[in-house]
């Protein structure tokens, strides 16, 4: 999808409405601008609280997917209490 837009006063540009809708952009969203050999790459960004950034790291998310798969396939055990849980770990 290609569109033409014009550089306005203060070097502002308008993202065409078809693209805003497709990307589900809202007023106040963050946008990253990266200089590439062929031009500018403009992409939506998500702000993540630093205290929660670990959860959204690629490695953590890959492990989360594995856990979700285990849950879906019933590869889980439950324990009645902490002592039972520890005992089962040691077996």
Protein backbone atom coordinates (compact mmCIF):
# COMPACT_ATOMS: atom_id res chain seq x y z
CA UNK A 1 0.00 0.00 0.00
CA UNK A 2 1.49 3.33 -1.07
CA UNK A 3 0.18 6.84 -0.52
CA UNK A 4 1.42 10.36 -1.03
CA UNK A 5 1.45 12.94 1.72
CA UNK A 6 2.97 16.41 1.98
CA UNK A 7 5.52 17.79 4.44
CA UNK A 8 3.76 20.63 6.25
CA UNK A 9 4.89 23.49 8.47
CA UNK A 10 7.24 22.28 11.25
CA UNK A 11 8.00 19.23 9.06
CA UNK A 12 4.78 17.47 10.04
CA UNK A 13 3.19 14.86 7.80
CA UNK A 14 -0.29 13.36 7.83
CA UNK A 15 -0.70 9.59 7.75
CA UNK A 16 -3.45 8.80 5.22
CA UNK A 17 -6.72 7.68 6.81
CA UNK A 18 -6.71 4.26 5.12
CA UNK A 19 -3.36 3.49 6.73
CA UNK A 20 -4.37 4.93 10.12
CA UNK A 21 -7.44 2.69 10.13
CA UNK A 22 -5.50 -0.40 9.06
CA UNK A 23 -2.91 0.22 11.81
CA UNK A 24 -5.62 1.19 14.32
CA UNK A 25 -3.72 4.37 15.20
CA UNK A 26 -5.23 6.75 17.72
CA UNK A 27 -4.37 10.32 18.67
CA UNK A 28 -1.47 10.21 21.12
CA UNK A 29 -0.04 6.87 19.90
CA UNK A 30 3.73 6.65 19.65
CA UNK A 31 5.36 6.33 16.23
CA UNK A 32 8.93 5.21 15.56
CA UNK A 33 10.82 6.74 12.64
CA UNK A 34 13.89 4.91 11.37
CA UNK A 35 16.23 6.07 8.63
CA UNK A 36 16.77 3.29 6.09
CA UNK A 37 18.84 3.24 2.92
CA UNK A 38 15.68 3.47 0.81
CA UNK A 39 13.96 6.14 2.96
CA UNK A 40 12.06 6.44 6.23
CA UNK A 41 10.40 3.52 7.97
CA UNK A 42 7.50 4.75 10.10
CA UNK A 43 5.93 2.23 12.48
CA UNK A 44 3.61 2.27 15.50
CA UNK A 45 5.23 1.70 18.88
CA UNK A 46 3.81 0.58 22.19
CA UNK A 47 4.87 2.18 25.45
CA UNK A 48 5.60 -0.40 28.12
CA UNK A 49 6.13 0.42 31.77
CA UNK A 50 9.77 -0.37 32.67
CA UNK A 51 8.59 -2.54 35.56
CA UNK A 52 6.77 -4.78 33.06
CA UNK A 53 9.27 -4.70 30.17
CA UNK A 54 10.70 -8.12 31.12
CA UNK A 55 7.33 -9.74 30.42
CA UNK A 56 7.30 -8.44 26.85
CA UNK A 57 10.88 -9.46 26.03
CA UNK A 58 11.08 -11.87 23.09
CA UNK A 59 12.59 -14.71 25.14
CA UNK A 60 9.95 -14.45 27.85
CA UNK A 61 7.14 -14.39 25.30
CA UNK A 62 8.54 -17.51 23.59
CA UNK A 63 8.46 -19.34 26.91
CA UNK A 64 4.91 -18.06 27.57
CA UNK A 65 3.82 -19.66 24.27
CA UNK A 66 5.27 -23.00 25.40
CA UNK A 67 3.39 -22.79 28.69
CA UNK A 68 0.13 -21.96 26.88
CA UNK A 69 0.65 -25.01 24.66
CA UNK A 70 1.25 -27.22 27.71
CA UNK A 71 -1.95 -25.91 29.31
CA UNK A 72 -3.95 -26.50 26.11
CA UNK A 73 -2.68 -30.07 25.83
CA UNK A 74 -3.25 -30.84 29.52
CA UNK A 75 0.43 -31.31 30.33
CA UNK A 76 0.05 -29.89 33.83
CA UNK A 77 -0.08 -31.16 37.41
CA UNK A 78 -1.79 -29.66 40.42
CA UNK A 79 -0.83 -29.90 44.07
CA UNK A 80 -2.99 -29.54 47.16
CA UNK A 81 -0.39 -27.43 48.98
CA UNK A 82 3.20 -26.18 48.83
CA UNK A 83 4.58 -29.17 50.70
CA UNK A 84 3.03 -31.59 48.21
CA UNK A 85 4.33 -29.50 45.34
CA UNK A 86 7.91 -29.57 46.69
CA UNK A 87 7.68 -33.30 47.41
CA UNK A 88 6.60 -33.95 43.79
CA UNK A 89 9.47 -31.83 42.49
CA UNK A 90 11.97 -33.88 44.47
CA UNK A 91 10.63 -37.22 43.15
